[in-house]
Amino acid sequence: MATLTVRIDNKLHDEVEQSADFNGLSIADYIRETLSERVQDEQDYKEVVKTIQTTTETVSREEVIKQVFG
């Protein structure tokens, strides 16, 4: 496992610490989880962009709502 050292200002540290406490996590676990979610979001976004660029099929709004909330 790699170790990462990051310098942040005191205000941001306090905010991260409060968020970690609120979520019942250590600061390290909170940062690890947050980074992981961010990276996954970016990967998901890239996949969607790639799909949009390579797909000509369209789906109606009603079909999307049906599939999502169906």
PDB file of N, CA and C in Angstrom:
ATOM      1  N   MET A   1       0.849  -1.176   0.000  1.00  0.00           N
ATOM      2  CA  MET A   1       0.000   0.000   0.000  1.00  0.00           C
ATOM      3  C   MET A   1       0.892   1.237   0.000  1.00  0.00           C
ATOM      4  N   ALA A   2       0.549   2.216  -0.802  1.00  0.00           N
ATOM      5  CA  ALA A   2       1.327   3.449  -0.905  1.00  0.00           C
ATOM      6  C   ALA A   2       0.940   4.429   0.199  1.00  0.00           C
ATOM      7  N   THR A   3       1.865   5.287   0.536  1.00  0.00           N
ATOM      8  CA  THR A   3       1.617   6.355   1.506  1.00  0.00           C
ATOM      9  C   THR A   3       1.653   7.671   0.763  1.00  0.00           C
ATOM     10  N   LEU A   4       0.695   8.544   1.088  1.00  0.00           N
ATOM     11  CA  LEU A   4       0.590   9.844   0.441  1.00  0.00           C
ATOM     12  C   LEU A   4       0.589  10.915   1.522  1.00  0.00           C
ATOM     13  N   THR A   5       1.441  11.910   1.356  1.00  0.00           N
ATOM     14  CA  THR A   5       1.480  13.032   2.290  1.00  0.00           C
ATOM     15  C   THR A   5       0.990  14.270   1.561  1.00  0.00           C
ATOM     16  N   VAL A   6       0.018  14.945   2.172  1.00  0.00           N
ATOM     17  CA  VAL A   6      -0.564  16.135   1.563  1.00  0.00           C
ATOM     18  C   VAL A   6      -0.589  17.244   2.605  1.00  0.00           C
ATOM     19  N   ARG A   7      -0.196  18.419   2.205  1.00  0.00           N
ATOM     20  CA  ARG A   7      -0.273  19.578   3.105  1.00  0.00           C
ATOM     21  C   ARG A   7      -1.542  20.357   2.783  1.00  0.00           C
ATOM     22  N   ILE A   8      -2.328  20.634   3.815  1.00  0.00           N
ATOM     23  CA  ILE A   8      -3.542  21.439   3.664  1.00  0.00           C
ATOM     24  C   ILE A   8      -3.552  22.497   4.757  1.00  0.00           C
ATOM     25  N   ASP A   9      -4.280  23.575   4.495  1.00  0.00           N
ATOM     26  CA  ASP A   9      -4.322  24.623   5.512  1.00  0.00           C
ATOM     27  C   ASP A   9      -5.185  24.170   6.695  1.00  0.00           C
ATOM     28  N   ASN A  10      -5.033  24.869   7.798  1.00  0.00           N
ATOM     29  CA  ASN A  10      -5.709  24.485   9.041  1.00  0.00           C
ATOM     30  C   ASN A  10      -7.228  24.502   8.917  1.00  0.00           C
ATOM     31  N   LYS A  11      -7.745  25.466   8.175  1.00  0.00           N
ATOM     32  CA  LYS A  11      -9.203  25.562   8.017  1.00  0.00           C
ATOM     33  C   LYS A  11      -9.749  24.325   7.309  1.00  0.00           C
ATOM     34  N   LEU A  12      -9.100  23.929   6.222  1.00  0.00           N
ATOM     35  CA  LEU A  12      -9.548  22.739   5.503  1.00  0.00           C
ATOM     36  C   LEU A  12      -9.382  21.500   6.373  1.00  0.00           C
ATOM     37  N   HIS A  13      -8.299  21.425   7.112  1.00  0.00           N
ATOM     38  CA  HIS A  13      -8.088  20.285   8.018  1.00  0.00           C
ATOM     39  C   HIS A  13      -9.234  20.180   9.015  1.00  0.00           C
ATOM     40  N   ASP A  14      -9.603  21.304   9.598  1.00  0.00           N
ATOM     41  CA  ASP A  14     -10.707  21.302  10.565  1.00  0.00           C
ATOM     42  C   ASP A  14     -12.009  20.847   9.920  1.00  0.00           C
ATOM     43  N   GLU A  15     -12.263  21.299   8.693  1.00  0.00           N
ATOM     44  CA  GLU A  15     -13.492  20.904   7.984  1.00  0.00           C
ATOM     45  C   GLU A  15     -13.486  19.412   7.663  1.00  0.00           C
ATOM     46  N   VAL A  16     -12.340  18.904   7.231  1.00  0.00           N
ATOM     47  CA  VAL A  16     -12.220  17.470   6.941  1.00  0.00           C
ATOM     48  C   VAL A  16     -12.414  16.669   8.229  1.00  0.00           C
ATOM     49  N   GLU A  17     -11.810  17.122   9.301  1.00  0.00           N
ATOM     50  CA  GLU A  17     -11.929  16.436  10.579  1.00  0.00           C
ATOM     51  C   GLU A  17     -13.389  16.401  11.046  1.00  0.00           C
ATOM     52  N   GLN A  18     -14.092  17.512  10.893  1.00  0.00           N
ATOM     53  CA  GLN A  18     -15.507  17.553  11.277  1.00  0.00           C
ATOM     54  C   GLN A  18     -16.341  16.612  10.417  1.00  0.00           C
ATOM     55  N   SER A  19     -16.079  16.582   9.128  1.00  0.00           N
ATOM     56  CA  SER A  19     -16.813  15.684   8.236  1.00  0.00           C
ATOM     57  C   SER A  19     -16.512  14.226   8.566  1.00  0.00           C
ATOM     58  N   ALA A  20     -15.263  13.937   8.827  1.00  0.00           N
ATOM     59  CA  ALA A  20     -14.887  12.564   9.191  1.00  0.00           C
ATOM     60  C   ALA A  20     -15.595  12.160  10.479  1.00  0.00           C
ATOM     61  N   ASP A  21     -15.570  13.027  11.486  1.00  0.00           N
ATOM     62  CA  ASP A  21     -16.260  12.747  12.752  1.00  0.00           C
ATOM     63  C   ASP A  21     -17.752  12.530  12.526  1.00  0.00           C
ATOM     64  N   PHE A  22     -18.354  13.383  11.724  1.00  0.00           N
ATOM     65  CA  PHE A  22     -19.786  13.280  11.443  1.00  0.00           C
ATOM     66  C   PHE A  22     -20.124  11.927  10.824  1.00  0.00           C
ATOM     67  N   ASN A  23     -19.217  11.433   9.961  1.00  0.00           N
ATOM     68  CA  ASN A  23     -19.433  10.160   9.278  1.00  0.00           C
ATOM     69  C   ASN A  23     -18.882   8.963  10.045  1.00  0.00           C
ATOM     70  N   GLY A  24     -18.368   9.213  11.241  1.00  0.00           N
ATOM     71  CA  GLY A  24     -17.870   8.129  12.076  1.00  0.00           C
ATOM     72  C   GLY A  24     -16.607   7.478  11.539  1.00  0.00           C
ATOM     73  N   LEU A  25     -15.778   8.271  10.864  1.00  0.00           N
ATOM     74  CA  LEU A  25     -14.557   7.752  10.254  1.00  0.00           C
ATOM     75  C   LEU A  25     -13.339   8.492  10.786  1.00  0.00           C
ATOM     76  N   SER A  26     -12.199   7.835  10.692  1.00  0.00           N
ATOM     77  CA  SER A  26     -10.950   8.540  10.963  1.00  0.00           C
ATOM     78  C   SER A  26     -10.704   9.485   9.782  1.00  0.00           C
ATOM     79  N   ILE A  27      -9.828  10.447   9.983  1.00  0.00           N
ATOM     80  CA  ILE A  27      -9.508  11.366   8.892  1.00  0.00           C
ATOM     81  C   ILE A  27      -8.944  10.585   7.708  1.00  0.00           C
ATOM     82  N   ALA A  28      -8.051   9.643   7.970  1.00  0.00           N
ATOM     83  CA  ALA A  28      -7.443   8.860   6.889  1.00  0.00           C
ATOM     84  C   ALA A  28      -8.504   8.072   6.117  1.00  0.00           C
ATOM     85  N   ASP A  29      -9.419   7.417   6.832  1.00  0.00           N
ATOM     86  CA  ASP A  29     -10.474   6.651   6.158  1.00  0.00           C
ATOM     87  C   ASP A  29     -11.401   7.565   5.368  1.00  0.00           C
ATOM     88  N   TYR A  30     -11.721   8.720   5.942  1.00  0.00           N
ATOM     89  CA  TYR A  30     -12.595   9.668   5.253  1.00  0.00           C
ATOM     90  C   TYR A  30     -11.946  10.154   3.951  1.00  0.00           C
ATOM     91  N   ILE A  31     -10.673  10.509   4.001  1.00  0.00           N
ATOM     92  CA  ILE A  31      -9.973  10.984   2.811  1.00  0.00           C
ATOM     93  C   ILE A  31      -9.852   9.854   1.789  1.00  0.00           C
ATOM     94  N   ARG A  32      -9.532   8.657   2.255  1.00  0.00           N
ATOM     95  CA  ARG A  32      -9.413   7.509   1.354  1.00  0.00           C
ATOM     96  C   ARG A  32     -10.735   7.251   0.636  1.00  0.00           C
ATOM     97  N   GLU A  33     -11.842   7.264   1.384  1.00  0.00           N
ATOM     98  CA  GLU A  33     -13.171   7.048   0.804  1.00  0.00           C
ATOM     99  C   GLU A  33     -13.536   8.154  -0.182  1.00  0.00           C
ATOM    100  N   THR A  34     -13.272   9.387   0.207  1.00  0.00           N
ATOM    101  CA  THR A  34     -13.597  10.532  -0.648  1.00  0.00           C
ATOM    102  C   THR A  34     -12.810  10.493  -1.948  1.00  0.00           C
ATOM    103  N   LEU A  35     -11.533  10.195  -1.874  1.00  0.00           N
ATOM    104  CA  LEU A  35     -10.709  10.094  -3.086  1.00  0.00           C
ATOM    105  C   LEU A  35     -11.183   8.958  -3.980  1.00  0.00           C
ATOM    106  N   SER A  36     -11.506   7.833  -3.371  1.00  0.00           N
ATOM    107  CA  SER A  36     -11.978   6.691  -4.140  1.00  0.00           C
ATOM    108  C   SER A  36     -13.268   7.022  -4.890  1.00  0.00           C
ATOM    109  N   GLU A  37     -14.204   7.683  -4.202  1.00  0.00           N
ATOM    110  CA  GLU A  37     -15.464   8.079  -4.836  1.00  0.00           C
ATOM    111  C   GLU A  37     -15.216   9.059  -5.976  1.00  0.00           C
ATOM    112  N   ARG A  38     -14.316   9.992  -5.775  1.00  0.00           N
ATOM    113  CA  ARG A  38     -14.008  10.985  -6.810  1.00  0.00           C
ATOM    114  C   ARG A  38     -13.428  10.328  -8.054  1.00  0.00           C
ATOM    115  N   VAL A  39     -12.482   9.416  -7.840  1.00  0.00           N
ATOM    116  CA  VAL A  39     -11.869   8.714  -8.969  1.00  0.00           C
ATOM    117  C   VAL A  39     -12.919   7.884  -9.704  1.00  0.00           C
ATOM    118  N   GLN A  40     -13.799   7.202  -8.963  1.00  0.00           N
ATOM    119  CA  GLN A  40     -14.854   6.407  -9.596  1.00  0.00           C
ATOM    120  C   GLN A  40     -15.810   7.291 -10.383  1.00  0.00           C
ATOM    121  N   ASP A  41     -16.159   8.440  -9.834  1.00  0.00           N
ATOM    122  CA  ASP A  41     -17.032   9.382 -10.552  1.00  0.00           C
ATOM    123  C   ASP A  41     -16.404   9.814 -11.876  1.00  0.00           C
ATOM    124  N   GLU A  42     -15.111  10.103 -11.860  1.00  0.00           N
ATOM    125  CA  GLU A  42     -14.428  10.512 -13.087  1.00  0.00           C
ATOM    126  C   GLU A  42     -14.373   9.375 -14.100  1.00  0.00           C
ATOM    127  N   GLN A  43     -14.152   8.153 -13.628  1.00  0.00           N
ATOM    128  CA  GLN A  43     -14.148   7.001 -14.532  1.00  0.00           C
ATOM    129  C   GLN A  43     -15.529   6.797 -15.151  1.00  0.00           C
ATOM    130  N   ASP A  44     -16.565   6.928 -14.327  1.00  0.00           N
ATOM    131  CA  ASP A  44     -17.931   6.802 -14.833  1.00  0.00           C
ATOM    132  C   ASP A  44     -18.223   7.867 -15.884  1.00  0.00           C
ATOM    133  N   TYR A  45     -17.792   9.095 -15.607  1.00  0.00           N
ATOM    134  CA  TYR A  45     -17.998  10.192 -16.543  1.00  0.00           C
ATOM    135  C   TYR A  45     -17.318   9.904 -17.880  1.00  0.00           C
ATOM    136  N   LYS A  46     -16.068   9.439 -17.819  1.00  0.00           N
ATOM    137  CA  LYS A  46     -15.333   9.128 -19.046  1.00  0.00           C
ATOM    138  C   LYS A  46     -16.037   8.032 -19.854  1.00  0.00           C
ATOM    139  N   GLU A  47     -16.579   7.023 -19.157  1.00  0.00           N
ATOM    140  CA  GLU A  47     -17.307   5.960 -19.845  1.00  0.00           C
ATOM    141  C   GLU A  47     -18.552   6.502 -20.541  1.00  0.00           C
ATOM    142  N   VAL A  48     -19.269   7.392 -19.872  1.00  0.00           N
ATOM    143  CA  VAL A  48     -20.469   7.976 -20.458  1.00  0.00           C
ATOM    144  C   VAL A  48     -20.112   8.808 -21.682  1.00  0.00           C
ATOM    145  N   VAL A  49     -19.084   9.614 -21.577  1.00  0.00           N
ATOM    146  CA  VAL A  49     -18.656  10.437 -22.715  1.00  0.00           C
ATOM    147  C   VAL A  49     -18.284   9.537 -23.891  1.00  0.00           C
ATOM    148  N   LYS A  50     -17.535   8.474 -23.617  1.00  0.00           N
ATOM    149  CA  LYS A  50     -17.140   7.544 -24.678  1.00  0.00           C
ATOM    150  C   LYS A  50     -18.370   6.901 -25.317  1.00  0.00           C
ATOM    151  N   THR A  51     -19.339   6.510 -24.505  1.00  0.00           N
ATOM    152  CA  THR A  51     -20.566   5.899 -25.019  1.00  0.00           C
ATOM    153  C   THR A  51     -21.342   6.884 -25.875  1.00  0.00           C
ATOM    154  N   ILE A  52     -21.447   8.110 -25.405  1.00  0.00           N
ATOM    155  CA  ILE A  52     -22.168   9.144 -26.165  1.00  0.00           C
ATOM    156  C   ILE A  52     -21.488   9.384 -27.508  1.00  0.00           C
ATOM    157  N   GLN A  53     -20.180   9.386 -27.519  1.00  0.00           N
ATOM    158  CA  GLN A  53     -19.434   9.660 -28.750  1.00  0.00           C
ATOM    159  C   GLN A  53     -19.498   8.507 -29.753  1.00  0.00           C
ATOM    160  N   THR A  54     -19.748   7.299 -29.265  1.00  0.00           N
ATOM    161  CA  THR A  54     -19.730   6.132 -30.155  1.00  0.00           C
ATOM    162  C   THR A  54     -21.107   5.549 -30.430  1.00  0.00           C
ATOM    163  N   THR A  55     -22.155   6.110 -29.827  1.00  0.00           N
ATOM    164  CA  THR A  55     -23.498   5.566 -29.980  1.00  0.00           C
ATOM    165  C   THR A  55     -24.397   6.589 -30.655  1.00  0.00           C
ATOM    166  N   THR A  56     -25.133   6.137 -31.635  1.00  0.00           N
ATOM    167  CA  THR A  56     -26.071   7.036 -32.313  1.00  0.00           C
ATOM    168  C   THR A  56     -27.511   6.760 -31.889  1.00  0.00           C
ATOM    169  N   GLU A  57     -27.704   5.732 -31.099  1.00  0.00           N
ATOM    170  CA  GLU A  57     -29.050   5.376 -30.634  1.00  0.00           C
ATOM    171  C   GLU A  57     -29.570   6.441 -29.669  1.00  0.00           C
ATOM    172  N   THR A  58     -30.850   6.750 -29.778  1.00  0.00           N
ATOM    173  CA  THR A  58     -31.475   7.681 -28.844  1.00  0.00           C
ATOM    174  C   THR A  58     -32.571   6.961 -28.075  1.00  0.00           C
ATOM    175  N   VAL A  59     -32.851   7.477 -26.911  1.00  0.00           N
ATOM    176  CA  VAL A  59     -33.887   6.910 -26.047  1.00  0.00           C
ATOM    177  C   VAL A  59     -34.766   8.060 -25.595  1.00  0.00           C
ATOM    178  N   SER A  60     -36.061   7.844 -25.621  1.00  0.00           N
ATOM    179  CA  SER A  60     -36.985   8.906 -25.215  1.00  0.00           C
ATOM    180  C   SER A  60     -36.889   9.159 -23.711  1.00  0.00           C
ATOM    181  N   ARG A  61     -37.300  10.324 -23.320  1.00  0.00           N
ATOM    182  CA  ARG A  61     -37.323  10.699 -21.900  1.00  0.00           C
ATOM    183  C   ARG A  61     -38.183   9.726 -21.117  1.00  0.00           C
ATOM    184  N   GLU A  62     -39.312   9.370 -21.690  1.00  0.00           N
ATOM    185  CA  GLU A  62     -40.236   8.451 -21.029  1.00  0.00           C
ATOM    186  C   GLU A  62     -39.577   7.093 -20.796  1.00  0.00           C
ATOM    187  N   GLU A  63     -38.804   6.618 -21.774  1.00  0.00           N
ATOM    188  CA  GLU A  63     -38.125   5.332 -21.635  1.00  0.00           C
ATOM    189  C   GLU A  63     -37.057   5.394 -20.542  1.00  0.00           C
ATOM    190  N   VAL A  64     -36.354   6.519 -20.469  1.00  0.00           N
ATOM    191  CA  VAL A  64     -35.344   6.683 -19.415  1.00  0.00           C
ATOM    192  C   VAL A  64     -36.018   6.646 -18.050  1.00  0.00           C
ATOM    193  N   ILE A  65     -37.103   7.381 -17.895  1.00  0.00           N
ATOM    194  CA  ILE A  65     -37.817   7.409 -16.618  1.00  0.00           C
ATOM    195  C   ILE A  65     -38.324   6.005 -16.274  1.00  0.00           C
ATOM    196  N   LYS A  66     -38.847   5.293 -17.268  1.00  0.00           N
ATOM    197  CA  LYS A  66     -39.340   3.943 -17.061  1.00  0.00           C
ATOM    198  C   LYS A  66     -38.206   3.023 -16.595  1.00  0.00           C
ATOM    199  N   GLN A  67     -37.041   3.117 -17.228  1.00  0.00           N
ATOM    200  CA  GLN A  67     -35.907   2.268 -16.877  1.00  0.00           C
ATOM    201  C   GLN A  67     -35.331   2.616 -15.507  1.00  0.00           C
ATOM    202  N   VAL A  68     -35.287   3.892 -15.193  1.00  0.00           N
ATOM    203  CA  VAL A  68     -34.697   4.321 -13.933  1.00  0.00           C
ATOM    204  C   VAL A  68     -35.632   4.084 -12.749  1.00  0.00           C
ATOM    205  N   PHE A  69     -36.890   4.456 -12.934  1.00  0.00           N
ATOM    206  CA  PHE A  69     -37.843   4.400 -11.821  1.00  0.00           C
ATOM    207  C   PHE A  69     -38.837   3.247 -11.925  1.00  0.00           C
ATOM    208  N   GLY A  70     -38.809   2.547 -13.064  1.00  0.00           N
ATOM    209  CA  GLY A  70     -39.716   1.529 -13.456  1.00  0.00           C
ATOM    210  C   GLY A  70     -40.328   0.623 -12.558  1.00  0.00           C
TER     211      GLY A  70
END
